[in-house]
Amino acid sequence: MDDDMLEAYLDRSVRVHFAPGMIGPGLSSFEEGKLHDYSAAGMLLEAADGSLAYIPFTSVRMVQIKPRPGFWERLTGTS
């Protein structure tokens, strides 16, 4: 993985989907939060309540990064 790949996405809302082998019965298949920090081994997400979750890249299937609001959304306050 490129070391600076996620640098532009710090403090952005993301959804991390876990690899199928990492999901147990009754557990969520994804985690949502703000990308707080990352390293070569994993990423740190900040939940809405302020708690932090460390997710190793070995357990990640996909990361969805929500786009920043466009000019119109920022102007009108809609999302």
PDB file of N, CA and C in Angstrom:
ATOM      1  N   MET A   1       0.836  -1.175   0.000  1.00  0.00           N
ATOM      2  CA  MET A   1       0.000   0.000   0.000  1.00  0.00           C
ATOM      3  C   MET A   1       0.884   1.242   0.000  1.00  0.00           C
ATOM      4  N   ASP A   2       0.486   2.230  -0.744  1.00  0.00           N
ATOM      5  CA  ASP A   2       1.213   3.491  -0.811  1.00  0.00           C
ATOM      6  C   ASP A   2       1.128   4.192   0.546  1.00  0.00           C
ATOM      7  N   ASP A   3       2.273   4.632   1.065  1.00  0.00           N
ATOM      8  CA  ASP A   3       2.311   5.234   2.395  1.00  0.00           C
ATOM      9  C   ASP A   3       1.460   6.489   2.517  1.00  0.00           C
ATOM     10  N   ASP A   4       1.358   7.288   1.460  1.00  0.00           N
ATOM     11  CA  ASP A   4       0.617   8.549   1.541  1.00  0.00           C
ATOM     12  C   ASP A   4      -0.766   8.467   0.910  1.00  0.00           C
ATOM     13  N   MET A   5      -1.234   7.272   0.630  1.00  0.00           N
ATOM     14  CA  MET A   5      -2.496   7.102  -0.083  1.00  0.00           C
ATOM     15  C   MET A   5      -3.688   7.705   0.656  1.00  0.00           C
ATOM     16  N   LEU A   6      -3.742   7.595   1.965  1.00  0.00           N
ATOM     17  CA  LEU A   6      -4.882   8.080   2.733  1.00  0.00           C
ATOM     18  C   LEU A   6      -4.686   9.481   3.298  1.00  0.00           C
ATOM     19  N   GLU A   7      -3.546  10.084   3.076  1.00  0.00           N
ATOM     20  CA  GLU A   7      -3.239  11.405   3.647  1.00  0.00           C
ATOM     21  C   GLU A   7      -4.300  12.450   3.289  1.00  0.00           C
ATOM     22  N   ALA A   8      -4.764  12.446   2.061  1.00  0.00           N
ATOM     23  CA  ALA A   8      -5.747  13.444   1.609  1.00  0.00           C
ATOM     24  C   ALA A   8      -7.128  13.209   2.210  1.00  0.00           C
ATOM     25  N   TYR A   9      -7.342  12.059   2.838  1.00  0.00           N
ATOM     26  CA  TYR A   9      -8.672  11.722   3.344  1.00  0.00           C
ATOM     27  C   TYR A   9      -8.782  11.783   4.864  1.00  0.00           C
ATOM     28  N   LEU A  10      -7.767  12.293   5.541  1.00  0.00           N
ATOM     29  CA  LEU A  10      -7.853  12.447   6.992  1.00  0.00           C
ATOM     30  C   LEU A  10      -9.000  13.392   7.329  1.00  0.00           C
ATOM     31  N   ASP A  11      -9.680  13.126   8.416  1.00  0.00           N
ATOM     32  CA  ASP A  11     -10.838  13.898   8.887  1.00  0.00           C
ATOM     33  C   ASP A  11     -12.020  13.827   7.932  1.00  0.00           C
ATOM     34  N   ARG A  12     -12.105  12.781   7.141  1.00  0.00           N
ATOM     35  CA  ARG A  12     -13.256  12.560   6.260  1.00  0.00           C
ATOM     36  C   ARG A  12     -14.054  11.362   6.780  1.00  0.00           C
ATOM     37  N   SER A  13     -15.339  11.360   6.529  1.00  0.00           N
ATOM     38  CA  SER A  13     -16.191  10.232   6.924  1.00  0.00           C
ATOM     39  C   SER A  13     -15.920   9.050   6.013  1.00  0.00           C
ATOM     40  N   VAL A  14     -15.725   7.885   6.635  1.00  0.00           N
ATOM     41  CA  VAL A  14     -15.459   6.667   5.881  1.00  0.00           C
ATOM     42  C   VAL A  14     -16.309   5.524   6.429  1.00  0.00           C
ATOM     43  N   ARG A  15     -16.485   4.516   5.603  1.00  0.00           N
ATOM     44  CA  ARG A  15     -17.125   3.266   6.021  1.00  0.00           C
ATOM     45  C   ARG A  15     -16.149   2.157   5.646  1.00  0.00           C
ATOM     46  N   VAL A  16     -15.730   1.387   6.641  1.00  0.00           N
ATOM     47  CA  VAL A  16     -14.782   0.296   6.435  1.00  0.00           C
ATOM     48  C   VAL A  16     -15.551  -1.019   6.474  1.00  0.00           C
ATOM     49  N   HIS A  17     -15.515  -1.755   5.368  1.00  0.00           N
ATOM     50  CA  HIS A  17     -16.158  -3.067   5.288  1.00  0.00           C
ATOM     51  C   HIS A  17     -15.109  -4.129   5.612  1.00  0.00           C
ATOM     52  N   PHE A  18     -15.490  -5.064   6.489  1.00  0.00           N
ATOM     53  CA  PHE A  18     -14.561  -6.094   6.925  1.00  0.00           C
ATOM     54  C   PHE A  18     -14.537  -7.263   5.949  1.00  0.00           C
ATOM     55  N   ALA A  19     -13.396  -7.943   5.891  1.00  0.00           N
ATOM     56  CA  ALA A  19     -13.250  -9.149   5.086  1.00  0.00           C
ATOM     57  C   ALA A  19     -14.202 -10.217   5.632  1.00  0.00           C
ATOM     58  N   PRO A  20     -14.735 -11.080   4.764  1.00  0.00           N
ATOM     59  CA  PRO A  20     -15.710 -12.090   5.214  1.00  0.00           C
ATOM     60  C   PRO A  20     -15.220 -12.955   6.376  1.00  0.00           C
ATOM     61  N   GLY A  21     -13.955 -13.289   6.414  1.00  0.00           N
ATOM     62  CA  GLY A  21     -13.430 -14.116   7.496  1.00  0.00           C
ATOM     63  C   GLY A  21     -13.337 -13.403   8.834  1.00  0.00           C
ATOM     64  N   MET A  22     -13.542 -12.099   8.847  1.00  0.00           N
ATOM     65  CA  MET A  22     -13.424 -11.310  10.073  1.00  0.00           C
ATOM     66  C   MET A  22     -14.778 -10.978  10.701  1.00  0.00           C
ATOM     67  N   ILE A  23     -15.865 -11.453  10.083  1.00  0.00           N
ATOM     68  CA  ILE A  23     -17.210 -11.132  10.572  1.00  0.00           C
ATOM     69  C   ILE A  23     -17.764 -12.339  11.307  1.00  0.00           C
ATOM     70  N   GLY A  24     -18.167 -12.120  12.540  1.00  0.00           N
ATOM     71  CA  GLY A  24     -18.755 -13.200  13.327  1.00  0.00           C
ATOM     72  C   GLY A  24     -20.263 -13.048  13.419  1.00  0.00           C
ATOM     73  N   PRO A  25     -20.939 -14.072  13.930  1.00  0.00           N
ATOM     74  CA  PRO A  25     -22.392 -13.997  14.069  1.00  0.00           C
ATOM     75  C   PRO A  25     -22.794 -12.850  15.000  1.00  0.00           C
ATOM     76  N   GLY A  26     -23.747 -12.068  14.559  1.00  0.00           N
ATOM     77  CA  GLY A  26     -24.246 -10.961  15.380  1.00  0.00           C
ATOM     78  C   GLY A  26     -23.395  -9.712  15.338  1.00  0.00           C
ATOM     79  N   LEU A  27     -22.316  -9.706  14.569  1.00  0.00           N
ATOM     80  CA  LEU A  27     -21.448  -8.532  14.478  1.00  0.00           C
ATOM     81  C   LEU A  27     -21.704  -7.780  13.186  1.00  0.00           C
ATOM     82  N   SER A  28     -21.462  -6.501  13.205  1.00  0.00           N
ATOM     83  CA  SER A  28     -21.648  -5.677  12.018  1.00  0.00           C
ATOM     84  C   SER A  28     -20.568  -5.976  10.988  1.00  0.00           C
ATOM     85  N   SER A  29     -20.923  -5.865   9.720  1.00  0.00           N
ATOM     86  CA  SER A  29     -19.964  -6.143   8.649  1.00  0.00           C
ATOM     87  C   SER A  29     -19.165  -4.905   8.260  1.00  0.00           C
ATOM     88  N   PHE A  30     -19.435  -3.775   8.941  1.00  0.00           N
ATOM     89  CA  PHE A  30     -18.710  -2.546   8.637  1.00  0.00           C
ATOM     90  C   PHE A  30     -18.609  -1.669   9.880  1.00  0.00           C
ATOM     91  N   GLU A  31     -17.749  -0.687   9.785  1.00  0.00           N
ATOM     92  CA  GLU A  31     -17.555   0.314  10.847  1.00  0.00           C
ATOM     93  C   GLU A  31     -17.545   1.680  10.170  1.00  0.00           C
ATOM     94  N   GLU A  32     -18.236   2.651  10.750  1.00  0.00           N
ATOM     95  CA  GLU A  32     -18.272   4.003  10.195  1.00  0.00           C
ATOM     96  C   GLU A  32     -17.637   4.977  11.173  1.00  0.00           C
ATOM     97  N   GLY A  33     -17.015   5.995  10.630  1.00  0.00           N
ATOM     98  CA  GLY A  33     -16.426   7.030  11.459  1.00  0.00           C
ATOM     99  C   GLY A  33     -15.576   7.968  10.633  1.00  0.00           C
ATOM    100  N   LYS A  34     -14.906   8.856  11.326  1.00  0.00           N
ATOM    101  CA  LYS A  34     -14.011   9.807  10.685  1.00  0.00           C
ATOM    102  C   LYS A  34     -12.607   9.232  10.704  1.00  0.00           C
ATOM    103  N   LEU A  35     -11.928   9.265   9.552  1.00  0.00           N
ATOM    104  CA  LEU A  35     -10.563   8.756   9.478  1.00  0.00           C
ATOM    105  C   LEU A  35      -9.662   9.669  10.303  1.00  0.00           C
ATOM    106  N   HIS A  36      -9.231   9.173  11.447  1.00  0.00           N
ATOM    107  CA  HIS A  36      -8.465   9.973  12.397  1.00  0.00           C
ATOM    108  C   HIS A  36      -6.968   9.911  12.096  1.00  0.00           C
ATOM    109  N   ASP A  37      -6.465   8.713  11.816  1.00  0.00           N
ATOM    110  CA  ASP A  37      -5.039   8.520  11.540  1.00  0.00           C
ATOM    111  C   ASP A  37      -4.862   7.146  10.899  1.00  0.00           C
ATOM    112  N   TYR A  38      -3.683   6.902  10.345  1.00  0.00           N
ATOM    113  CA  TYR A  38      -3.385   5.608   9.748  1.00  0.00           C
ATOM    114  C   TYR A  38      -1.892   5.365   9.778  1.00  0.00           C
ATOM    115  N   SER A  39      -1.530   4.101   9.604  1.00  0.00           N
ATOM    116  CA  SER A  39      -0.125   3.705   9.496  1.00  0.00           C
ATOM    117  C   SER A  39      -0.055   2.609   8.448  1.00  0.00           C
ATOM    118  N   ALA A  40       1.104   2.026   8.278  1.00  0.00           N
ATOM    119  CA  ALA A  40       1.251   0.942   7.307  1.00  0.00           C
ATOM    120  C   ALA A  40       0.482  -0.308   7.734  1.00  0.00           C
ATOM    121  N   ALA A  41       0.154  -0.429   9.017  1.00  0.00           N
ATOM    122  CA  ALA A  41      -0.510  -1.618   9.527  1.00  0.00           C
ATOM    123  C   ALA A  41      -2.025  -1.494   9.645  1.00  0.00           C
ATOM    124  N   GLY A  42      -2.550  -0.280   9.765  1.00  0.00           N
ATOM    125  CA  GLY A  42      -3.990  -0.135   9.950  1.00  0.00           C
ATOM    126  C   GLY A  42      -4.421   1.312  10.020  1.00  0.00           C
ATOM    127  N   MET A  43      -5.694   1.498  10.372  1.00  0.00           N
ATOM    128  CA  MET A  43      -6.249   2.852  10.444  1.00  0.00           C
ATOM    129  C   MET A  43      -7.002   3.043  11.744  1.00  0.00           C
ATOM    130  N   LEU A  44      -7.119   4.294  12.140  1.00  0.00           N
ATOM    131  CA  LEU A  44      -7.792   4.677  13.365  1.00  0.00           C
ATOM    132  C   LEU A  44      -9.015   5.498  12.991  1.00  0.00           C
ATOM    133  N   LEU A  45     -10.197   5.023  13.404  1.00  0.00           N
ATOM    134  CA  LEU A  45     -11.440   5.728  13.126  1.00  0.00           C
ATOM    135  C   LEU A  45     -11.980   6.350  14.396  1.00  0.00           C
ATOM    136  N   GLU A  46     -12.556   7.543  14.250  1.00  0.00           N
ATOM    137  CA  GLU A  46     -13.203   8.217  15.370  1.00  0.00           C
ATOM    138  C   GLU A  46     -14.705   8.157  15.160  1.00  0.00           C
ATOM    139  N   ALA A  47     -15.415   7.527  16.103  1.00  0.00           N
ATOM    140  CA  ALA A  47     -16.865   7.395  16.017  1.00  0.00           C
ATOM    141  C   ALA A  47     -17.533   8.715  16.405  1.00  0.00           C
ATOM    142  N   ALA A  48     -18.830   8.804  16.179  1.00  0.00           N
ATOM    143  CA  ALA A  48     -19.585  10.023  16.480  1.00  0.00           C
ATOM    144  C   ALA A  48     -19.541  10.368  17.970  1.00  0.00           C
ATOM    145  N   ASP A  49     -19.422   9.358  18.835  1.00  0.00           N
ATOM    146  CA  ASP A  49     -19.360   9.606  20.274  1.00  0.00           C
ATOM    147  C   ASP A  49     -17.953   9.939  20.768  1.00  0.00           C
ATOM    148  N   GLY A  50     -16.986  10.008  19.862  1.00  0.00           N
ATOM    149  CA  GLY A  50     -15.613  10.362  20.217  1.00  0.00           C
ATOM    150  C   GLY A  50     -14.706   9.183  20.495  1.00  0.00           C
ATOM    151  N   SER A  51     -15.254   7.969  20.533  1.00  0.00           N
ATOM    152  CA  SER A  51     -14.420   6.798  20.784  1.00  0.00           C
ATOM    153  C   SER A  51     -13.588   6.478  19.542  1.00  0.00           C
ATOM    154  N   LEU A  52     -12.462   5.822  19.751  1.00  0.00           N
ATOM    155  CA  LEU A  52     -11.550   5.472  18.661  1.00  0.00           C
ATOM    156  C   LEU A  52     -11.553   3.964  18.450  1.00  0.00           C
ATOM    157  N   ALA A  53     -11.454   3.563  17.179  1.00  0.00           N
ATOM    158  CA  ALA A  53     -11.383   2.141  16.832  1.00  0.00           C
ATOM    159  C   ALA A  53     -10.191   1.945  15.906  1.00  0.00           C
ATOM    160  N   TYR A  54      -9.318   1.003  16.270  1.00  0.00           N
ATOM    161  CA  TYR A  54      -8.182   0.657  15.411  1.00  0.00           C
ATOM    162  C   TYR A  54      -8.585  -0.543  14.562  1.00  0.00           C
ATOM    163  N   ILE A  55      -8.387  -0.441  13.247  1.00  0.00           N
ATOM    164  CA  ILE A  55      -8.740  -1.514  12.334  1.00  0.00           C
ATOM    165  C   ILE A  55      -7.501  -1.883  11.521  1.00  0.00           C
ATOM    166  N   PRO A  56      -6.980  -3.097  11.700  1.00  0.00           N
ATOM    167  CA  PRO A  56      -5.809  -3.517  10.908  1.00  0.00           C
ATOM    168  C   PRO A  56      -6.209  -3.746   9.446  1.00  0.00           C
ATOM    169  N   PHE A  57      -5.313  -3.418   8.527  1.00  0.00           N
ATOM    170  CA  PHE A  57      -5.602  -3.574   7.105  1.00  0.00           C
ATOM    171  C   PHE A  57      -5.834  -5.031   6.709  1.00  0.00           C
ATOM    172  N   THR A  58      -5.324  -5.967   7.492  1.00  0.00           N
ATOM    173  CA  THR A  58      -5.533  -7.377   7.175  1.00  0.00           C
ATOM    174  C   THR A  58      -6.996  -7.787   7.311  1.00  0.00           C
ATOM    175  N   SER A  59      -7.797  -7.006   8.035  1.00  0.00           N
ATOM    176  CA  SER A  59      -9.212  -7.342   8.208  1.00  0.00           C
ATOM    177  C   SER A  59     -10.131  -6.496   7.329  1.00  0.00           C
ATOM    178  N   VAL A  60      -9.564  -5.657   6.463  1.00  0.00           N
ATOM    179  CA  VAL A  60     -10.358  -4.748   5.636  1.00  0.00           C
ATOM    180  C   VAL A  60     -10.591  -5.333   4.246  1.00  0.00           C
ATOM    181  N   ARG A  61     -11.852  -5.314   3.821  1.00  0.00           N
ATOM    182  CA  ARG A  61     -12.200  -5.704   2.456  1.00  0.00           C
ATOM    183  C   ARG A  61     -12.297  -4.482   1.560  1.00  0.00           C
ATOM    184  N   MET A  62     -12.911  -3.392   2.072  1.00  0.00           N
ATOM    185  CA  MET A  62     -13.125  -2.203   1.265  1.00  0.00           C
ATOM    186  C   MET A  62     -13.294  -0.994   2.176  1.00  0.00           C
ATOM    187  N   VAL A  63     -12.811   0.156   1.700  1.00  0.00           N
ATOM    188  CA  VAL A  63     -13.004   1.416   2.413  1.00  0.00           C
ATOM    189  C   VAL A  63     -13.772   2.348   1.492  1.00  0.00           C
ATOM    190  N   GLN A  64     -14.927   2.804   1.940  1.00  0.00           N
ATOM    191  CA  GLN A  64     -15.714   3.778   1.197  1.00  0.00           C
ATOM    192  C   GLN A  64     -15.465   5.139   1.820  1.00  0.00           C
ATOM    193  N   ILE A  65     -15.085   6.098   0.992  1.00  0.00           N
ATOM    194  CA  ILE A  65     -14.813   7.452   1.466  1.00  0.00           C
ATOM    195  C   ILE A  65     -15.913   8.363   0.950  1.00  0.00           C
ATOM    196  N   LYS A  66     -16.618   8.998   1.868  1.00  0.00           N
ATOM    197  CA  LYS A  66     -17.713   9.869   1.464  1.00  0.00           C
ATOM    198  C   LYS A  66     -17.144  11.169   0.908  1.00  0.00           C
ATOM    199  N   PRO A  67     -17.689  11.650  -0.207  1.00  0.00           N
ATOM    200  CA  PRO A  67     -17.160  12.878  -0.805  1.00  0.00           C
ATOM    201  C   PRO A  67     -17.458  14.090   0.055  1.00  0.00           C
ATOM    202  N   ARG A  68     -16.612  15.081  -0.083  1.00  0.00           N
ATOM    203  CA  ARG A  68     -16.870  16.351   0.599  1.00  0.00           C
ATOM    204  C   ARG A  68     -18.076  17.009  -0.058  1.00  0.00           C
ATOM    205  N   PRO A  69     -18.847  17.767   0.705  1.00  0.00           N
ATOM    206  CA  PRO A  69     -19.989  18.451   0.107  1.00  0.00           C
ATOM    207  C   PRO A  69     -19.531  19.445  -0.958  1.00  0.00           C
ATOM    208  N   GLY A  70     -20.292  19.523  -2.031  1.00  0.00           N
ATOM    209  CA  GLY A  70     -19.991  20.475  -3.095  1.00  0.00           C
ATOM    210  C   GLY A  70     -20.369  21.889  -2.702  1.00  0.00           C
ATOM    211  N   PHE A  71     -20.143  22.800  -3.594  1.00  0.00           N
ATOM    212  CA  PHE A  71     -20.430  24.213  -3.327  1.00  0.00           C
ATOM    213  C   PHE A  71     -21.898  24.420  -2.976  1.00  0.00           C
ATOM    214  N   TRP A  72     -22.791  23.807  -3.737  1.00  0.00           N
ATOM    215  CA  TRP A  72     -24.226  24.010  -3.520  1.00  0.00           C
ATOM    216  C   TRP A  72     -24.658  23.454  -2.164  1.00  0.00           C
ATOM    217  N   GLU A  73     -24.157  22.289  -1.797  1.00  0.00           N
ATOM    218  CA  GLU A  73     -24.495  21.689  -0.505  1.00  0.00           C
ATOM    219  C   GLU A  73     -23.978  22.551   0.641  1.00  0.00           C
ATOM    220  N   ARG A  74     -22.788  23.091   0.498  1.00  0.00           N
ATOM    221  CA  ARG A  74     -22.256  23.971   1.549  1.00  0.00           C
ATOM    222  C   ARG A  74     -23.045  25.270   1.625  1.00  0.00           C
ATOM    223  N   LEU A  75     -23.469  25.803   0.492  1.00  0.00           N
ATOM    224  CA  LEU A  75     -24.199  27.064   0.440  1.00  0.00           C
ATOM    225  C   LEU A  75     -25.580  26.917   1.057  1.00  0.00           C
ATOM    226  N   THR A  76     -26.275  25.826   0.723  1.00  0.00           N
ATOM    227  CA  THR A  76     -27.656  25.637   1.195  1.00  0.00           C
ATOM    228  C   THR A  76     -27.741  24.864   2.502  1.00  0.00           C
ATOM    229  N   GLY A  77     -26.651  24.218   2.894  1.00  0.00           N
ATOM    230  CA  GLY A  77     -26.652  23.438   4.134  1.00  0.00           C
ATOM    231  C   GLY A  77     -27.299  22.075   3.990  1.00  0.00           C
ATOM    232  N   THR A  78     -27.536  21.631   2.757  1.00  0.00           N
ATOM    233  CA  THR A  78     -28.103  20.301   2.535  1.00  0.00           C
ATOM    234  C   THR A  78     -26.971  19.295   2.339  1.00  0.00           C
ATOM    235  N   SER A  79     -27.309  18.023   2.502  1.00  0.00           N
ATOM    236  CA  SER A  79     -26.272  17.009   2.282  1.00  0.00           C
ATOM    237  C   SER A  79     -26.698  15.969   1.310  1.00  0.00           C
TER     238      SER A  79
END
